[in-house]
């Protein structure tokens, strides 16, 4: 996976927590990581019906974890062309960047849901819980990809 876009000027990033998002129209997976340990963990899946509910949930996460930057996965088709959700993901990242004034990095998220599904393959989990976990794990994979690059 490539760091496809960095909305902040290059330079040394402050040390601390980084929040990763796997944006989806129905659910948003969230992961927490740290640029000191360079590790990421699944955190939560946000399921909300309105944009306001989504950003209320994100606000609570931001207040609790106080990140120094944000990473958002951006989907592309296998051939690298834009996916129907590509622009929505970029718009979501821009909203986060403007609202929180934090460096925001976009990461190519191709295959992360497949990889997340593979991680849960042998676990005995009901379908609804599995869907929620897949989004969190995909967010972790996106964030870990970023952390591996810095």
N, C-alpha and C. Protein backbone atom coordinates (compact mmCIF):
# COMPACT_ATOMS: atom_id res chain seq x y z
N UNK A 1 0.84 -1.18 0.00
CA UNK A 1 0.00 0.00 0.00
C UNK A 1 0.88 1.24 0.00
N UNK A 2 0.42 2.24 -0.68
CA UNK A 2 1.20 3.46 -0.80
C UNK A 2 0.55 4.60 -0.04
N UNK A 3 1.37 5.48 0.45
CA UNK A 3 0.87 6.73 1.00
C UNK A 3 0.56 7.58 -0.21
N UNK A 4 -0.72 7.70 -0.56
CA UNK A 4 -1.06 8.34 -1.82
C UNK A 4 -1.13 9.85 -1.74
N UNK A 5 -1.29 10.36 -0.54
CA UNK A 5 -1.41 11.80 -0.43
C UNK A 5 -1.14 12.23 1.00
N UNK A 6 -0.44 13.30 1.15
CA UNK A 6 -0.20 13.87 2.47
C UNK A 6 -0.67 15.31 2.41
N UNK A 7 -1.69 15.64 3.16
CA UNK A 7 -2.26 16.98 3.11
C UNK A 7 -1.43 18.01 3.86
N UNK A 8 -0.43 17.59 4.62
CA UNK A 8 0.42 18.50 5.38
C UNK A 8 1.77 18.61 4.69
N UNK A 9 2.44 19.71 4.95
CA UNK A 9 3.80 19.87 4.44
C UNK A 9 4.70 18.83 5.08
N UNK A 10 5.71 18.34 4.34
CA UNK A 10 6.60 17.34 4.91
C UNK A 10 7.38 17.89 6.09
N UNK A 11 7.80 17.02 6.94
CA UNK A 11 8.56 17.41 8.10
C UNK A 11 8.39 16.37 9.19
N UNK A 12 9.08 16.57 10.28
CA UNK A 12 9.02 15.63 11.39
C UNK A 12 7.65 15.72 12.06
N UNK A 13 7.04 14.57 12.22
CA UNK A 13 5.74 14.49 12.87
C UNK A 13 5.92 14.46 14.38
N UNK A 14 5.02 15.11 15.11
CA UNK A 14 5.06 15.03 16.57
C UNK A 14 4.85 13.58 16.98
N UNK A 15 5.44 13.20 18.10
CA UNK A 15 5.27 11.85 18.60
C UNK A 15 3.94 11.73 19.32
N UNK A 16 3.29 10.58 19.14
CA UNK A 16 2.03 10.36 19.84
C UNK A 16 1.10 9.43 19.09
N UNK A 17 -0.16 9.48 19.48
CA UNK A 17 -1.19 8.62 18.91
C UNK A 17 -1.60 9.08 17.52
N UNK A 18 -1.96 8.11 16.71
CA UNK A 18 -2.49 8.37 15.37
C UNK A 18 -3.78 7.58 15.25
N UNK A 19 -4.81 8.23 14.72
CA UNK A 19 -6.10 7.57 14.51
C UNK A 19 -6.20 7.19 13.04
N UNK A 20 -6.63 5.94 12.79
CA UNK A 20 -6.82 5.47 11.42
C UNK A 20 -8.28 5.18 11.16
N UNK A 21 -8.74 5.52 9.96
CA UNK A 21 -10.14 5.32 9.58
C UNK A 21 -10.25 4.48 8.31
N UNK A 22 -11.17 3.52 8.35
CA UNK A 22 -11.59 2.79 7.16
C UNK A 22 -12.99 3.32 6.85
N UNK A 23 -13.07 4.30 5.96
CA UNK A 23 -14.32 4.97 5.66
C UNK A 23 -15.24 4.08 4.83
N UNK A 24 -16.49 4.06 5.22
CA UNK A 24 -17.52 3.39 4.45
C UNK A 24 -18.81 4.18 4.56
N UNK A 25 -19.72 3.96 3.64
CA UNK A 25 -20.96 4.71 3.65
C UNK A 25 -21.89 4.26 4.77
N UNK A 26 -21.77 3.02 5.20
CA UNK A 26 -22.62 2.50 6.29
C UNK A 26 -21.88 2.46 7.63
N UNK A 27 -20.61 2.11 7.56
CA UNK A 27 -19.81 1.96 8.78
C UNK A 27 -18.42 2.55 8.55
N UNK A 28 -17.82 3.00 9.67
CA UNK A 28 -16.45 3.51 9.62
C UNK A 28 -15.65 2.76 10.67
N UNK A 29 -14.66 2.02 10.23
CA UNK A 29 -13.76 1.33 11.15
C UNK A 29 -12.73 2.31 11.67
N UNK A 30 -12.40 2.18 12.95
CA UNK A 30 -11.43 3.08 13.57
C UNK A 30 -10.36 2.25 14.25
N UNK A 31 -9.12 2.69 14.11
CA UNK A 31 -7.98 2.04 14.77
C UNK A 31 -7.15 3.11 15.45
N UNK A 32 -6.40 2.68 16.44
CA UNK A 32 -5.48 3.58 17.15
C UNK A 32 -4.08 3.02 17.01
N UNK A 33 -3.14 3.92 16.80
CA UNK A 33 -1.74 3.51 16.70
C UNK A 33 -0.86 4.56 17.33
N UNK A 34 0.41 4.30 17.30
CA UNK A 34 1.36 5.21 17.91
C UNK A 34 2.60 5.25 17.05
N UNK A 35 3.08 6.44 16.76
CA UNK A 35 4.25 6.55 15.89
C UNK A 35 5.56 6.34 16.63
N UNK A 36 5.51 6.09 17.93
CA UNK A 36 6.72 5.73 18.68
C UNK A 36 6.91 4.22 18.61
N UNK A 37 5.86 3.48 18.98
CA UNK A 37 5.92 2.01 18.94
C UNK A 37 5.69 1.47 17.54
N UNK A 38 5.11 2.30 16.67
CA UNK A 38 4.77 1.92 15.29
C UNK A 38 3.88 0.69 15.24
N UNK A 39 2.90 0.65 16.14
CA UNK A 39 1.93 -0.43 16.15
C UNK A 39 0.52 0.14 16.10
N UNK A 40 -0.40 -0.63 15.52
CA UNK A 40 -1.80 -0.23 15.42
C UNK A 40 -2.69 -1.33 15.99
N UNK A 41 -3.82 -0.91 16.55
CA UNK A 41 -4.80 -1.84 17.12
C UNK A 41 -6.19 -1.42 16.66
N UNK A 42 -7.08 -2.41 16.42
CA UNK A 42 -8.47 -2.06 16.12
C UNK A 42 -9.08 -1.36 17.33
N UNK A 43 -9.98 -0.41 17.11
CA UNK A 43 -10.56 0.33 18.22
C UNK A 43 -12.08 0.18 18.28
N UNK A 44 -12.77 0.61 17.24
CA UNK A 44 -14.23 0.63 17.27
C UNK A 44 -14.75 0.73 15.84
N UNK A 45 -16.00 0.38 15.66
CA UNK A 45 -16.68 0.63 14.39
C UNK A 45 -17.82 1.59 14.67
N UNK A 46 -17.86 2.66 13.91
CA UNK A 46 -18.92 3.66 14.05
C UNK A 46 -20.03 3.29 13.08
N UNK A 47 -21.21 3.06 13.62
CA UNK A 47 -22.41 2.82 12.81
C UNK A 47 -23.38 3.94 13.13
N UNK A 48 -23.60 4.83 12.20
CA UNK A 48 -24.53 5.92 12.48
C UNK A 48 -25.32 6.24 11.22
N UNK A 49 -26.46 6.85 11.45
CA UNK A 49 -27.35 7.13 10.33
C UNK A 49 -27.18 8.54 9.78
N UNK A 50 -26.56 9.43 10.56
CA UNK A 50 -26.38 10.80 10.08
C UNK A 50 -24.92 11.22 10.20
N UNK A 51 -24.57 12.22 9.43
CA UNK A 51 -23.22 12.78 9.48
C UNK A 51 -22.94 13.36 10.86
N UNK A 52 -23.95 13.99 11.47
CA UNK A 52 -23.77 14.55 12.82
C UNK A 52 -23.44 13.47 13.83
N UNK A 53 -24.15 12.33 13.77
CA UNK A 53 -23.88 11.23 14.70
C UNK A 53 -22.46 10.70 14.49
N UNK A 54 -22.07 10.58 13.25
CA UNK A 54 -20.72 10.10 12.94
C UNK A 54 -19.68 11.02 13.56
N UNK A 55 -19.83 12.33 13.36
CA UNK A 55 -18.82 13.26 13.88
C UNK A 55 -18.90 13.42 15.40
N UNK A 56 -20.05 13.17 16.00
CA UNK A 56 -20.13 13.14 17.47
C UNK A 56 -19.30 11.97 18.01
N UNK A 57 -19.42 10.82 17.37
CA UNK A 57 -18.64 9.64 17.79
C UNK A 57 -17.15 9.89 17.58
N UNK A 58 -16.79 10.49 16.45
CA UNK A 58 -15.39 10.79 16.16
C UNK A 58 -14.85 11.80 17.17
N UNK A 59 -15.65 12.79 17.53
CA UNK A 59 -15.23 13.79 18.51
C UNK A 59 -14.84 13.12 19.83
N UNK A 60 -15.65 12.17 20.29
CA UNK A 60 -15.35 11.46 21.54
C UNK A 60 -14.02 10.71 21.44
N UNK A 61 -13.80 10.08 20.30
CA UNK A 61 -12.55 9.34 20.08
C UNK A 61 -11.36 10.31 20.09
N UNK A 62 -11.52 11.44 19.42
CA UNK A 62 -10.43 12.42 19.35
C UNK A 62 -10.12 12.98 20.74
N UNK A 63 -11.15 13.25 21.53
CA UNK A 63 -10.93 13.76 22.88
C UNK A 63 -10.23 12.74 23.78
N UNK A 64 -10.62 11.48 23.62
CA UNK A 64 -10.03 10.44 24.46
C UNK A 64 -8.58 10.15 24.09
N UNK A 65 -8.29 10.04 22.82
CA UNK A 65 -6.96 9.59 22.38
C UNK A 65 -6.01 10.73 22.01
N UNK A 66 -6.51 11.93 21.78
CA UNK A 66 -5.69 13.11 21.46
C UNK A 66 -4.58 12.82 20.44
N UNK A 67 -4.99 12.45 19.23
CA UNK A 67 -3.99 12.08 18.22
C UNK A 67 -3.19 13.27 17.71
N UNK A 68 -2.01 12.96 17.18
CA UNK A 68 -1.16 13.98 16.56
C UNK A 68 -1.34 14.00 15.05
N UNK A 69 -1.98 12.95 14.51
CA UNK A 69 -2.30 12.93 13.08
C UNK A 69 -3.39 11.91 12.81
N UNK A 70 -3.87 11.94 11.57
CA UNK A 70 -4.99 11.11 11.13
C UNK A 70 -4.59 10.40 9.85
N UNK A 71 -5.04 9.15 9.71
CA UNK A 71 -4.82 8.38 8.48
C UNK A 71 -6.19 7.89 8.00
N UNK A 72 -6.47 8.08 6.72
CA UNK A 72 -7.74 7.64 6.15
C UNK A 72 -7.45 6.76 4.94
N UNK A 73 -8.09 5.60 4.92
CA UNK A 73 -7.97 4.71 3.77
C UNK A 73 -8.84 5.19 2.62
N UNK A 74 -8.29 5.12 1.42
CA UNK A 74 -9.02 5.53 0.23
C UNK A 74 -9.09 4.33 -0.71
N UNK A 75 -10.32 3.92 -1.08
CA UNK A 75 -10.46 2.75 -1.94
C UNK A 75 -10.22 3.04 -3.42
N UNK A 76 -9.59 2.09 -4.08
CA UNK A 76 -9.40 2.12 -5.51
C UNK A 76 -9.77 0.76 -6.06
N UNK A 77 -10.11 0.72 -7.33
CA UNK A 77 -10.34 -0.56 -7.99
C UNK A 77 -9.01 -1.28 -8.15
N UNK A 78 -9.08 -2.56 -8.46
CA UNK A 78 -7.88 -3.38 -8.60
C UNK A 78 -6.90 -2.77 -9.61
N UNK A 79 -7.41 -2.19 -10.69
CA UNK A 79 -6.55 -1.61 -11.72
C UNK A 79 -6.03 -0.22 -11.36
N UNK A 80 -6.39 0.28 -10.16
CA UNK A 80 -5.91 1.58 -9.71
C UNK A 80 -6.84 2.73 -10.04
N UNK A 81 -7.90 2.45 -10.78
CA UNK A 81 -8.87 3.51 -11.09
C UNK A 81 -9.70 3.82 -9.86
N UNK A 82 -10.35 4.97 -9.89
CA UNK A 82 -11.13 5.39 -8.74
C UNK A 82 -12.36 4.53 -8.54
N UNK A 83 -12.63 4.23 -7.31
CA UNK A 83 -13.77 3.45 -6.86
C UNK A 83 -14.92 4.43 -6.63
N UNK A 84 -16.14 3.95 -6.54
CA UNK A 84 -17.27 4.86 -6.32
C UNK A 84 -17.19 5.59 -4.98
N UNK A 85 -16.41 5.08 -4.03
CA UNK A 85 -16.30 5.71 -2.71
C UNK A 85 -15.00 6.51 -2.58
N UNK A 86 -14.16 6.52 -3.60
CA UNK A 86 -12.88 7.21 -3.53
C UNK A 86 -13.05 8.68 -3.14
N UNK A 87 -13.89 9.40 -3.87
CA UNK A 87 -14.06 10.83 -3.59
C UNK A 87 -14.73 11.07 -2.24
N UNK A 88 -15.64 10.19 -1.84
CA UNK A 88 -16.27 10.33 -0.52
C UNK A 88 -15.24 10.17 0.59
N UNK A 89 -14.30 9.24 0.42
CA UNK A 89 -13.24 9.05 1.41
C UNK A 89 -12.33 10.27 1.48
N UNK A 90 -12.00 10.83 0.33
CA UNK A 90 -11.16 12.03 0.30
C UNK A 90 -11.88 13.21 0.95
N UNK A 91 -13.18 13.32 0.70
CA UNK A 91 -13.97 14.38 1.31
C UNK A 91 -14.01 14.21 2.84
N UNK A 92 -14.19 12.98 3.29
CA UNK A 92 -14.19 12.67 4.72
C UNK A 92 -12.85 13.08 5.34
N UNK A 93 -11.75 12.73 4.68
CA UNK A 93 -10.41 13.09 5.18
C UNK A 93 -10.26 14.61 5.27
N UNK A 94 -10.73 15.31 4.26
CA UNK A 94 -10.64 16.78 4.25
C UNK A 94 -11.45 17.38 5.40
N UNK A 95 -12.64 16.82 5.66
CA UNK A 95 -13.46 17.30 6.78
C UNK A 95 -12.72 17.10 8.11
N UNK A 96 -12.10 15.93 8.28
CA UNK A 96 -11.35 15.65 9.50
C UNK A 96 -10.19 16.63 9.65
N UNK A 97 -9.47 16.83 8.57
CA UNK A 97 -8.31 17.73 8.59
C UNK A 97 -8.73 19.15 8.97
N UNK A 98 -9.83 19.63 8.39
CA UNK A 98 -10.30 20.98 8.69
C UNK A 98 -10.84 21.10 10.11
N UNK A 99 -11.57 20.10 10.56
CA UNK A 99 -12.19 20.14 11.88
C UNK A 99 -11.15 20.06 13.00
N UNK A 100 -10.13 19.22 12.82
CA UNK A 100 -9.17 18.98 13.90
C UNK A 100 -7.80 19.62 13.68
N UNK A 101 -7.58 20.23 12.54
CA UNK A 101 -6.30 20.88 12.22
C UNK A 101 -5.11 19.97 12.50
N UNK A 102 -5.22 18.72 12.04
CA UNK A 102 -4.14 17.74 12.22
C UNK A 102 -3.66 17.27 10.85
N UNK A 103 -2.38 16.89 10.77
CA UNK A 103 -1.90 16.30 9.52
C UNK A 103 -2.76 15.08 9.17
N UNK A 104 -3.20 15.03 7.93
CA UNK A 104 -4.09 13.95 7.49
C UNK A 104 -3.46 13.27 6.28
N UNK A 105 -3.32 11.95 6.38
CA UNK A 105 -2.63 11.17 5.35
C UNK A 105 -3.63 10.21 4.72
N UNK A 106 -3.59 10.11 3.40
CA UNK A 106 -4.46 9.18 2.68
C UNK A 106 -3.65 7.97 2.27
N UNK A 107 -4.21 6.79 2.51
CA UNK A 107 -3.52 5.54 2.21
C UNK A 107 -4.39 4.70 1.28
N UNK A 108 -3.79 4.15 0.26
CA UNK A 108 -4.48 3.23 -0.65
C UNK A 108 -4.92 2.01 0.16
N UNK A 109 -6.22 1.77 0.19
CA UNK A 109 -6.72 0.68 1.03
C UNK A 109 -7.15 -0.56 0.25
N UNK A 110 -6.68 -0.70 -0.97
CA UNK A 110 -7.04 -1.90 -1.74
C UNK A 110 -6.70 -3.16 -0.97
N UNK A 111 -7.63 -4.08 -0.94
CA UNK A 111 -7.49 -5.41 -0.34
C UNK A 111 -7.54 -5.44 1.18
N UNK A 112 -7.72 -4.31 1.86
CA UNK A 112 -7.70 -4.35 3.33
C UNK A 112 -8.89 -5.13 3.90
N UNK A 113 -10.07 -5.00 3.28
CA UNK A 113 -11.23 -5.75 3.79
C UNK A 113 -11.04 -7.25 3.58
N UNK A 114 -10.42 -7.62 2.46
CA UNK A 114 -10.14 -9.03 2.21
C UNK A 114 -9.15 -9.56 3.25
N UNK A 115 -8.11 -8.77 3.50
CA UNK A 115 -7.11 -9.15 4.50
C UNK A 115 -7.74 -9.24 5.89
N UNK A 116 -8.62 -8.29 6.22
CA UNK A 116 -9.30 -8.30 7.52
C UNK A 116 -10.21 -9.51 7.63
N UNK A 117 -10.92 -9.83 6.57
CA UNK A 117 -11.80 -11.00 6.54
C UNK A 117 -10.99 -12.27 6.75
N UNK A 118 -9.82 -12.31 6.17
CA UNK A 118 -8.93 -13.47 6.31
C UNK A 118 -8.49 -13.63 7.77
N UNK A 119 -8.23 -12.52 8.46
CA UNK A 119 -7.83 -12.58 9.88
C UNK A 119 -8.92 -13.19 10.74
N UNK A 120 -10.18 -13.00 10.33
CA UNK A 120 -11.31 -13.50 11.13
C UNK A 120 -11.85 -14.84 10.64
N UNK A 121 -11.26 -15.37 9.59
CA UNK A 121 -11.78 -16.55 8.90
C UNK A 121 -12.08 -17.73 9.83
N UNK A 122 -11.19 -18.07 10.71
CA UNK A 122 -11.36 -19.25 11.54
C UNK A 122 -12.02 -18.98 12.89
N UNK A 123 -12.38 -17.73 13.12
CA UNK A 123 -13.00 -17.39 14.41
C UNK A 123 -14.51 -17.63 14.34
N UNK A 124 -15.06 -18.13 15.42
CA UNK A 124 -16.50 -18.38 15.52
C UNK A 124 -17.19 -17.10 15.99
N UNK A 125 -17.60 -16.27 15.04
CA UNK A 125 -18.21 -14.98 15.34
C UNK A 125 -19.47 -14.84 14.48
N UNK A 126 -20.55 -14.32 15.09
CA UNK A 126 -21.77 -14.15 14.29
C UNK A 126 -21.54 -13.07 13.24
N UNK A 127 -22.35 -13.11 12.19
CA UNK A 127 -22.14 -12.28 11.01
C UNK A 127 -22.16 -10.78 11.33
N UNK A 128 -23.10 -10.31 12.15
CA UNK A 128 -23.18 -8.88 12.46
C UNK A 128 -21.91 -8.40 13.18
N UNK A 129 -21.46 -9.17 14.16
CA UNK A 129 -20.24 -8.79 14.88
C UNK A 129 -19.03 -8.87 13.95
N UNK A 130 -19.03 -9.86 13.07
CA UNK A 130 -17.92 -10.01 12.13
C UNK A 130 -17.80 -8.79 11.22
N UNK A 131 -18.95 -8.28 10.74
CA UNK A 131 -18.92 -7.09 9.87
C UNK A 131 -18.31 -5.90 10.60
N UNK A 132 -18.67 -5.74 11.87
CA UNK A 132 -18.12 -4.64 12.66
C UNK A 132 -16.61 -4.81 12.86
N UNK A 133 -16.20 -6.03 13.16
CA UNK A 133 -14.78 -6.30 13.38
C UNK A 133 -13.96 -6.13 12.10
N UNK A 134 -14.52 -6.52 10.97
CA UNK A 134 -13.80 -6.37 9.69
C UNK A 134 -13.44 -4.91 9.45
N UNK A 135 -14.37 -4.01 9.73
CA UNK A 135 -14.09 -2.58 9.53
C UNK A 135 -12.98 -2.09 10.46
N UNK A 136 -13.00 -2.54 11.71
CA UNK A 136 -11.95 -2.15 12.66
C UNK A 136 -10.60 -2.70 12.25
N UNK A 137 -10.59 -3.95 11.84
CA UNK A 137 -9.33 -4.59 11.44
C UNK A 137 -8.81 -3.96 10.15
N UNK A 138 -9.70 -3.62 9.23
CA UNK A 138 -9.27 -2.93 8.01
C UNK A 138 -8.64 -1.59 8.37
N UNK A 139 -9.23 -0.87 9.33
CA UNK A 139 -8.65 0.40 9.78
C UNK A 139 -7.26 0.17 10.38
N UNK A 140 -7.12 -0.92 11.14
CA UNK A 140 -5.82 -1.26 11.73
C UNK A 140 -4.80 -1.53 10.62
N UNK A 141 -5.20 -2.26 9.60
CA UNK A 141 -4.29 -2.59 8.49
C UNK A 141 -3.87 -1.31 7.75
N UNK A 142 -4.82 -0.42 7.52
CA UNK A 142 -4.54 0.86 6.87
C UNK A 142 -3.53 1.65 7.71
N UNK A 143 -3.80 1.75 9.00
CA UNK A 143 -2.94 2.52 9.89
C UNK A 143 -1.56 1.87 10.01
N UNK A 144 -1.52 0.54 10.11
CA UNK A 144 -0.23 -0.15 10.21
C UNK A 144 0.59 0.07 8.94
N UNK A 145 -0.07 0.09 7.80
CA UNK A 145 0.62 0.36 6.54
C UNK A 145 1.29 1.73 6.58
N UNK A 146 0.58 2.72 7.09
CA UNK A 146 1.15 4.05 7.23
C UNK A 146 2.34 4.04 8.20
N UNK A 147 2.14 3.42 9.36
CA UNK A 147 3.20 3.38 10.37
C UNK A 147 4.45 2.67 9.86
N UNK A 148 4.27 1.66 9.01
CA UNK A 148 5.41 0.96 8.44
C UNK A 148 6.21 1.84 7.48
N UNK A 149 5.59 2.89 6.97
CA UNK A 149 6.25 3.78 6.00
C UNK A 149 7.01 4.94 6.64
N UNK A 150 6.67 5.24 7.89
CA UNK A 150 7.29 6.43 8.51
C UNK A 150 8.52 6.04 9.32
